[in-house]
Amino acid sequence: MSKLTLFGLFSVTAMVVCYALERRHRAFILAFSAACVLGSIYGFLQGAWPFGVVELVWSAIAFSRWRQAK
């Protein structure tokens, strides 16, 4: 497995875990947003720019949700 593949696996796994735990604490929403940024970086590095763009949008949505969470 290449380093890029491992990075992608890590970022997607982090997204899934943080998404699953979002209801437990608002910090997981922020962590999900950060994991989406990592996923976006992975997408751009891999050459799948549409994936990178979508992950950036998800990151912005999650960051907005984190700011509004009480």
N, C-alpha and C. Protein backbone atom coordinates (compact mmCIF):
# COMPACT_ATOMS: atom_id res chain seq x y z
N MET A 1 0.84 -1.18 0.00
CA MET A 1 0.00 0.00 0.00
C MET A 1 0.89 1.25 0.00
N SER A 2 0.54 2.21 -0.82
CA SER A 2 1.33 3.43 -0.89
C SER A 2 0.99 4.36 0.27
N LYS A 3 1.86 5.32 0.49
CA LYS A 3 1.62 6.30 1.55
C LYS A 3 0.36 7.11 1.27
N LEU A 4 0.10 7.40 0.00
CA LEU A 4 -1.10 8.15 -0.37
C LEU A 4 -2.36 7.34 -0.06
N THR A 5 -2.33 6.06 -0.34
CA THR A 5 -3.48 5.19 -0.04
C THR A 5 -3.71 5.11 1.47
N LEU A 6 -2.64 4.99 2.23
CA LEU A 6 -2.77 4.96 3.70
C LEU A 6 -3.33 6.27 4.23
N PHE A 7 -2.89 7.38 3.65
CA PHE A 7 -3.41 8.69 4.05
C PHE A 7 -4.91 8.78 3.75
N GLY A 8 -5.31 8.30 2.58
CA GLY A 8 -6.73 8.29 2.23
C GLY A 8 -7.54 7.41 3.15
N LEU A 9 -7.01 6.24 3.47
CA LEU A 9 -7.69 5.33 4.39
C LEU A 9 -7.85 5.97 5.76
N PHE A 10 -6.80 6.63 6.23
CA PHE A 10 -6.87 7.31 7.53
C PHE A 10 -7.92 8.41 7.52
N SER A 11 -7.92 9.23 6.48
CA SER A 11 -8.84 10.37 6.45
C SER A 11 -10.29 9.92 6.35
N VAL A 12 -10.57 8.93 5.53
CA VAL A 12 -11.95 8.44 5.40
C VAL A 12 -12.40 7.73 6.67
N THR A 13 -11.51 6.98 7.29
CA THR A 13 -11.85 6.32 8.56
C THR A 13 -12.14 7.36 9.64
N ALA A 14 -11.33 8.41 9.69
CA ALA A 14 -11.56 9.48 10.66
C ALA A 14 -12.90 10.16 10.41
N MET A 15 -13.26 10.36 9.16
CA MET A 15 -14.55 10.97 8.84
C MET A 15 -15.69 10.10 9.35
N VAL A 16 -15.63 8.80 9.10
CA VAL A 16 -16.71 7.89 9.52
C VAL A 16 -16.83 7.85 11.04
N VAL A 17 -15.71 7.73 11.72
CA VAL A 17 -15.73 7.66 13.19
C VAL A 17 -16.28 8.96 13.79
N CYS A 18 -15.78 10.09 13.31
CA CYS A 18 -16.24 11.38 13.84
C CYS A 18 -17.71 11.62 13.53
N TYR A 19 -18.15 11.23 12.34
CA TYR A 19 -19.55 11.37 11.99
C TYR A 19 -20.43 10.54 12.91
N ALA A 20 -19.99 9.33 13.21
CA ALA A 20 -20.76 8.45 14.09
C ALA A 20 -20.85 8.98 15.51
N LEU A 21 -19.85 9.76 15.94
CA LEU A 21 -19.80 10.24 17.32
C LEU A 21 -20.28 11.69 17.48
N GLU A 22 -20.75 12.30 16.40
CA GLU A 22 -21.13 13.72 16.45
C GLU A 22 -22.15 14.05 17.54
N ARG A 23 -23.06 13.15 17.81
CA ARG A 23 -24.12 13.43 18.80
C ARG A 23 -23.61 13.38 20.24
N ARG A 24 -22.44 12.83 20.42
CA ARG A 24 -21.90 12.72 21.79
C ARG A 24 -21.29 14.02 22.28
N HIS A 25 -20.65 14.77 21.36
CA HIS A 25 -20.03 16.03 21.75
C HIS A 25 -19.77 16.85 20.51
N ARG A 26 -19.91 18.16 20.64
CA ARG A 26 -19.73 19.02 19.47
C ARG A 26 -18.29 19.02 18.95
N ALA A 27 -17.34 18.59 19.76
CA ALA A 27 -15.96 18.51 19.29
C ALA A 27 -15.82 17.52 18.13
N PHE A 28 -16.67 16.50 18.10
CA PHE A 28 -16.61 15.54 17.01
C PHE A 28 -17.09 16.16 15.69
N ILE A 29 -17.93 17.18 15.77
CA ILE A 29 -18.35 17.89 14.56
C ILE A 29 -17.14 18.63 13.97
N LEU A 30 -16.38 19.28 14.84
CA LEU A 30 -15.18 19.98 14.39
C LEU A 30 -14.15 18.97 13.86
N ALA A 31 -14.01 17.85 14.53
CA ALA A 31 -13.08 16.82 14.06
C ALA A 31 -13.52 16.25 12.71
N PHE A 32 -14.83 16.11 12.52
CA PHE A 32 -15.35 15.67 11.23
C PHE A 32 -14.99 16.67 10.14
N SER A 33 -15.13 17.95 10.45
CA SER A 33 -14.76 18.99 9.50
C SER A 33 -13.29 18.89 9.12
N ALA A 34 -12.43 18.70 10.11
CA ALA A 34 -10.99 18.56 9.84
C ALA A 34 -10.70 17.30 9.02
N ALA A 35 -11.40 16.21 9.33
CA ALA A 35 -11.20 14.98 8.57
C ALA A 35 -11.65 15.15 7.12
N CYS A 36 -12.68 15.96 6.90
CA CYS A 36 -13.12 16.25 5.53
C CYS A 36 -12.05 17.03 4.77
N VAL A 37 -11.36 17.93 5.46
CA VAL A 37 -10.25 18.65 4.82
C VAL A 37 -9.16 17.66 4.42
N LEU A 38 -8.87 16.71 5.30
CA LEU A 38 -7.87 15.68 4.96
C LEU A 38 -8.34 14.87 3.76
N GLY A 39 -9.63 14.52 3.74
CA GLY A 39 -10.17 13.80 2.60
C GLY A 39 -10.08 14.60 1.32
N SER A 40 -10.28 15.90 1.43
CA SER A 40 -10.16 16.77 0.27
C SER A 40 -8.72 16.80 -0.25
N ILE A 41 -7.78 16.91 0.67
CA ILE A 41 -6.36 16.89 0.28
C ILE A 41 -6.04 15.58 -0.43
N TYR A 42 -6.54 14.49 0.12
CA TYR A 42 -6.34 13.18 -0.51
C TYR A 42 -6.90 13.17 -1.93
N GLY A 43 -8.12 13.67 -2.08
CA GLY A 43 -8.74 13.69 -3.40
C GLY A 43 -7.93 14.47 -4.41
N PHE A 44 -7.46 15.65 -4.01
CA PHE A 44 -6.65 16.45 -4.92
C PHE A 44 -5.32 15.78 -5.24
N LEU A 45 -4.68 15.19 -4.23
CA LEU A 45 -3.39 14.52 -4.46
C LEU A 45 -3.56 13.30 -5.37
N GLN A 46 -4.68 12.64 -5.26
CA GLN A 46 -4.94 11.46 -6.07
C GLN A 46 -5.30 11.83 -7.50
N GLY A 47 -5.71 13.06 -7.69
CA GLY A 47 -6.12 13.50 -9.02
C GLY A 47 -7.62 13.46 -9.23
N ALA A 48 -8.35 13.17 -8.18
CA ALA A 48 -9.81 13.14 -8.25
C ALA A 48 -10.34 14.46 -7.72
N TRP A 49 -10.16 15.53 -8.51
CA TRP A 49 -10.51 16.87 -8.04
C TRP A 49 -12.00 17.02 -7.70
N PRO A 50 -12.95 16.34 -8.37
CA PRO A 50 -14.35 16.49 -7.93
C PRO A 50 -14.54 16.00 -6.49
N PHE A 51 -13.88 14.91 -6.13
CA PHE A 51 -13.94 14.41 -4.76
C PHE A 51 -13.35 15.43 -3.80
N GLY A 52 -12.24 16.04 -4.19
CA GLY A 52 -11.62 17.06 -3.35
C GLY A 52 -12.52 18.25 -3.13
N VAL A 53 -13.22 18.68 -4.17
CA VAL A 53 -14.14 19.82 -4.04
C VAL A 53 -15.31 19.47 -3.13
N VAL A 54 -15.89 18.30 -3.33
CA VAL A 54 -17.04 17.88 -2.51
C VAL A 54 -16.64 17.79 -1.04
N GLU A 55 -15.47 17.27 -0.77
CA GLU A 55 -15.02 17.16 0.62
C GLU A 55 -14.80 18.55 1.24
N LEU A 56 -14.34 19.51 0.46
CA LEU A 56 -14.21 20.87 0.97
C LEU A 56 -15.57 21.46 1.32
N VAL A 57 -16.57 21.18 0.49
CA VAL A 57 -17.92 21.65 0.78
C VAL A 57 -18.44 21.00 2.06
N TRP A 58 -18.24 19.69 2.20
CA TRP A 58 -18.66 19.00 3.42
C TRP A 58 -17.97 19.59 4.65
N SER A 59 -16.70 19.93 4.50
CA SER A 59 -15.97 20.53 5.60
C SER A 59 -16.58 21.86 6.01
N ALA A 60 -16.93 22.68 5.04
CA ALA A 60 -17.54 23.98 5.34
C ALA A 60 -18.91 23.80 6.02
N ILE A 61 -19.68 22.83 5.56
CA ILE A 61 -20.98 22.56 6.18
C ILE A 61 -20.80 22.11 7.62
N ALA A 62 -19.87 21.19 7.84
CA ALA A 62 -19.63 20.69 9.20
C ALA A 62 -19.12 21.81 10.11
N PHE A 63 -18.24 22.67 9.58
CA PHE A 63 -17.73 23.77 10.39
C PHE A 63 -18.86 24.71 10.78
N SER A 64 -19.77 24.97 9.86
CA SER A 64 -20.93 25.81 10.15
C SER A 64 -21.81 25.15 11.22
N ARG A 65 -22.00 23.85 11.12
CA ARG A 65 -22.79 23.12 12.13
C ARG A 65 -22.11 23.17 13.49
N TRP A 66 -20.78 23.10 13.50
CA TRP A 66 -20.05 23.16 14.76
C TRP A 66 -20.24 24.53 15.43
N ARG A 67 -20.18 25.58 14.62
CA ARG A 67 -20.36 26.94 15.15
C ARG A 67 -21.76 27.14 15.73
N GLN A 68 -22.76 26.49 15.16
CA GLN A 68 -24.13 26.64 15.62
C GLN A 68 -24.49 25.68 16.74
N ALA A 69 -23.70 24.66 16.96
CA ALA A 69 -24.01 23.67 18.01
C ALA A 69 -23.89 24.29 19.38
N LYS A 70 -24.76 23.84 20.26
CA LYS A 70 -24.75 24.35 21.64
C LYS A 70 -24.18 23.35 22.58
